[in-house]
Amino acid sequence: MKAIKSILAALLVSIIITSVGYAKGDKGYLTMDYAIKTYVEAVSLGKVKGIDEILDNNVKFTLAQGNKVINYNKMELINSLKISENINQNCKTDYSIIEKGEAQTIVKVTMDYENFSKINYVTISNTDQGWKITNVSSLYK
């Protein structure tokens, strides 16, 4: 009986260690695709869940307004997105990968409204914590 308990305990410990190892080794949810889709859903559909985890702590957001360029940091960007939480933008949103590399990828996110377009150039970097957005540059056409 003692041997069976020992075997079951060893098996349970083995399963737990294996599960934890897979969770840490597989950046699963922080893939490039996840980061892009989470960002697009946040800016176009107001789905801000998960936005904090895909933004690098040093993310830089710039917005061109006329001759001025306005800079935002991570918290300012998150607060801005939370203001429009659950608000579906009245636009057609699409994205395309401009440049793709193992360490960094640049994505163009286009939001077409009735009378103008907002273009976001999003830089996503492969960090120790998975793919995270490190820079967003926005302009209007």
Protein backbone atom coordinates (compact mmCIF):
# COMPACT_ATOMS: atom_id res chain seq x y z
CA MET A 1 0.00 0.00 0.00
CA LYS A 2 2.87 2.34 0.88
CA ALA A 3 4.48 1.60 -2.49
CA ILE A 4 1.27 2.47 -4.35
CA LYS A 5 1.00 5.79 -2.49
CA SER A 6 4.62 6.57 -3.32
CA ILE A 7 4.10 5.73 -6.99
CA LEU A 8 0.92 7.83 -7.17
CA ALA A 9 2.65 10.75 -5.43
CA ALA A 10 5.60 10.53 -7.82
CA LEU A 11 3.23 10.36 -10.79
CA LEU A 12 1.27 13.38 -9.55
CA VAL A 13 4.47 15.39 -9.00
CA SER A 14 5.65 14.39 -12.48
CA ILE A 15 2.39 15.55 -14.08
CA ILE A 16 2.51 18.88 -12.22
CA ILE A 17 6.14 19.52 -13.20
CA THR A 18 5.42 18.64 -16.82
CA SER A 19 2.38 20.94 -16.90
CA VAL A 20 4.29 23.85 -15.39
CA GLY A 21 7.18 23.26 -17.79
CA TYR A 22 4.88 23.43 -20.80
CA ALA A 23 3.21 26.58 -19.52
CA LYS A 24 6.54 28.34 -19.02
CA GLY A 25 8.25 26.99 -22.11
CA ASP A 26 5.38 27.70 -24.46
CA LYS A 27 4.75 31.42 -24.75
CA GLY A 28 1.38 30.25 -26.18
CA TYR A 29 -0.82 33.26 -25.77
CA LEU A 30 1.98 35.77 -26.36
CA THR A 31 2.47 34.79 -29.96
CA MET A 32 2.83 37.40 -32.67
CA ASP A 33 -0.64 36.53 -33.97
CA TYR A 34 -2.15 36.91 -30.49
CA ALA A 35 -0.49 40.32 -30.00
CA ILE A 36 -1.71 41.61 -33.36
CA LYS A 37 -5.28 40.36 -32.91
CA THR A 38 -5.49 41.64 -29.34
CA TYR A 39 -4.33 45.09 -30.45
CA VAL A 40 -6.71 45.21 -33.43
CA GLU A 41 -9.67 44.13 -31.29
CA ALA A 42 -8.80 46.74 -28.66
CA VAL A 43 -8.60 49.68 -31.08
CA SER A 44 -11.50 48.68 -33.34
CA LEU A 45 -13.94 46.80 -31.09
CA GLY A 46 -13.09 48.15 -27.64
CA LYS A 47 -12.08 44.70 -26.38
CA VAL A 48 -9.32 45.76 -24.02
CA LYS A 49 -8.93 42.45 -22.18
CA GLY A 50 -5.32 41.31 -22.57
CA ILE A 51 -4.02 44.64 -23.90
CA ASP A 52 -1.82 45.21 -20.84
CA GLU A 53 0.05 41.93 -21.29
CA ILE A 54 0.89 42.50 -24.97
CA LEU A 55 2.25 46.01 -24.46
CA ASP A 56 5.91 46.21 -23.51
CA ASN A 57 6.55 48.28 -20.38
CA ASN A 58 8.54 50.77 -22.50
CA VAL A 59 6.07 50.92 -25.39
CA LYS A 60 6.03 54.24 -27.21
CA PHE A 61 2.88 55.49 -28.90
CA THR A 62 3.07 58.49 -31.23
CA LEU A 63 0.16 60.22 -32.91
CA ALA A 64 0.61 62.75 -35.71
CA GLN A 65 -1.95 65.57 -35.52
CA GLY A 66 -1.24 68.16 -38.18
CA ASN A 67 2.29 69.45 -37.65
CA LYS A 68 2.42 68.11 -34.08
CA VAL A 69 3.45 64.69 -32.84
CA ILE A 70 1.94 63.63 -29.53
CA ASN A 71 3.67 60.94 -27.44
CA TYR A 72 2.01 58.52 -25.03
CA ASN A 73 3.42 55.90 -22.70
CA LYS A 74 1.94 52.52 -21.77
CA MET A 75 -0.40 53.75 -19.05
CA GLU A 76 -1.67 56.66 -21.13
CA LEU A 77 -2.35 54.30 -24.04
CA ILE A 78 -4.18 51.79 -21.81
CA ASN A 79 -6.25 54.56 -20.20
CA SER A 80 -7.15 55.88 -23.63
CA LEU A 81 -8.27 52.44 -24.79
CA LYS A 82 -10.27 51.86 -21.60
CA ILE A 83 -12.26 55.04 -22.27
CA SER A 84 -13.56 53.40 -25.45
CA GLU A 85 -13.98 49.96 -23.88
CA ASN A 86 -16.75 47.94 -25.55
CA ILE A 87 -17.30 50.66 -28.14
CA ASN A 88 -17.27 49.28 -31.67
CA GLN A 89 -15.64 51.79 -34.01
CA ASN A 90 -17.69 52.56 -37.10
CA CYS A 91 -14.92 51.56 -39.46
CA LYS A 92 -13.52 48.72 -41.51
CA THR A 93 -10.30 47.47 -39.94
CA ASP A 94 -7.64 45.44 -41.67
CA TYR A 95 -4.00 44.68 -41.05
CA SER A 96 -1.03 43.48 -43.06
CA ILE A 97 2.49 42.50 -42.15
CA ILE A 98 4.97 44.96 -43.66
CA GLU A 99 8.18 43.27 -42.48
CA LYS A 100 8.51 40.02 -40.58
CA GLY A 101 11.60 38.87 -38.72
CA GLU A 102 12.48 36.48 -35.93
CA ALA A 103 13.10 39.31 -33.47
CA GLN A 104 10.78 42.04 -34.72
CA THR A 105 7.79 42.50 -37.02
CA ILE A 106 6.12 45.63 -38.38
CA VAL A 107 2.37 45.53 -38.95
CA LYS A 108 0.20 48.11 -40.70
CA VAL A 109 -3.26 48.41 -39.16
CA THR A 110 -5.70 50.42 -41.27
CA MET A 111 -8.98 51.71 -39.89
CA ASP A 112 -11.14 53.05 -42.74
CA TYR A 113 -13.91 55.41 -41.60
CA GLU A 114 -16.42 57.09 -43.90
CA ASN A 115 -14.38 60.28 -44.48
CA PHE A 116 -10.86 59.40 -43.38
CA SER A 117 -8.47 56.61 -42.46
CA LYS A 118 -6.35 56.05 -39.38
CA ILE A 119 -3.15 54.14 -40.04
CA ASN A 120 -1.20 52.49 -37.22
CA TYR A 121 2.29 51.15 -37.79
CA VAL A 122 2.79 48.63 -34.99
CA THR A 123 6.20 47.22 -34.10
CA ILE A 124 6.06 43.88 -32.30
CA SER A 125 9.20 42.46 -30.71
CA ASN A 126 9.97 38.92 -29.58
CA THR A 127 10.85 39.48 -25.91
CA ASP A 128 11.65 37.07 -23.09
CA GLN A 129 7.94 37.17 -22.21
CA GLY A 130 6.75 36.52 -25.78
CA TRP A 131 5.72 38.87 -28.56
CA LYS A 132 4.98 42.35 -27.26
CA ILE A 133 4.15 45.66 -28.89
CA THR A 134 7.06 48.05 -28.48
CA ASN A 135 6.01 50.94 -30.72
CA VAL A 136 2.86 52.29 -32.35
CA SER A 137 2.94 55.23 -34.76
CA SER A 138 -0.42 56.57 -35.89
CA LEU A 139 -1.40 59.04 -38.56
CA TYR A 140 -4.58 60.14 -40.30
CA LYS A 141 -5.26 60.31 -44.03
